[in-house]
Amino acid sequence: MYHGIILDLEFEDKAFPKKFNVFAKRKSTTSDWTIYGVEIADTDIGQTILEIQQAMKNDEPYYAHFYNNTELVVVFRQKIFTVTPDSSTWLPVVEYEKSIQIPEEQLDFQPNRFQDERGFFKYLE
């Protein structure tokens, strides 16, 4: 099982994240966006990544990320990186993000392990 972090604003259709099994969400108190935690079966991760890439906006540098406890997959519209939850493996991803002008404060891929989710999300009832 993978969990993924997707932002409604990164898609042409802001309702796109709701097509997945949403296990949690976090709404911004200062802006008009929602982060969704979604569950993806191991057997569906490849197809899901393709769907995510196709649905992403073309004109802005967004990304989504998916993880289990050993793998972190960072998905951009034009590129995919597979690293680990250990930040020492993220250099190629961070360099790419900087090259497409994603703000530095957004380069943390949080959460990226199942045990980090509880503090990040407000769980759905």
Foldseek 3Di string as FASTA:
>chain_A
DKKKKDKLVQFPHSCVVVVFAFFFKDADPVDGMMITIGDDDPVCVVVVLVVSLVGGDPPAWDWMWMAEQFWIWIHTNVDIDIFGLPCVGCVVVVVVCVVRPDDPVPSNPPPHYPVRVVVVGDGDD
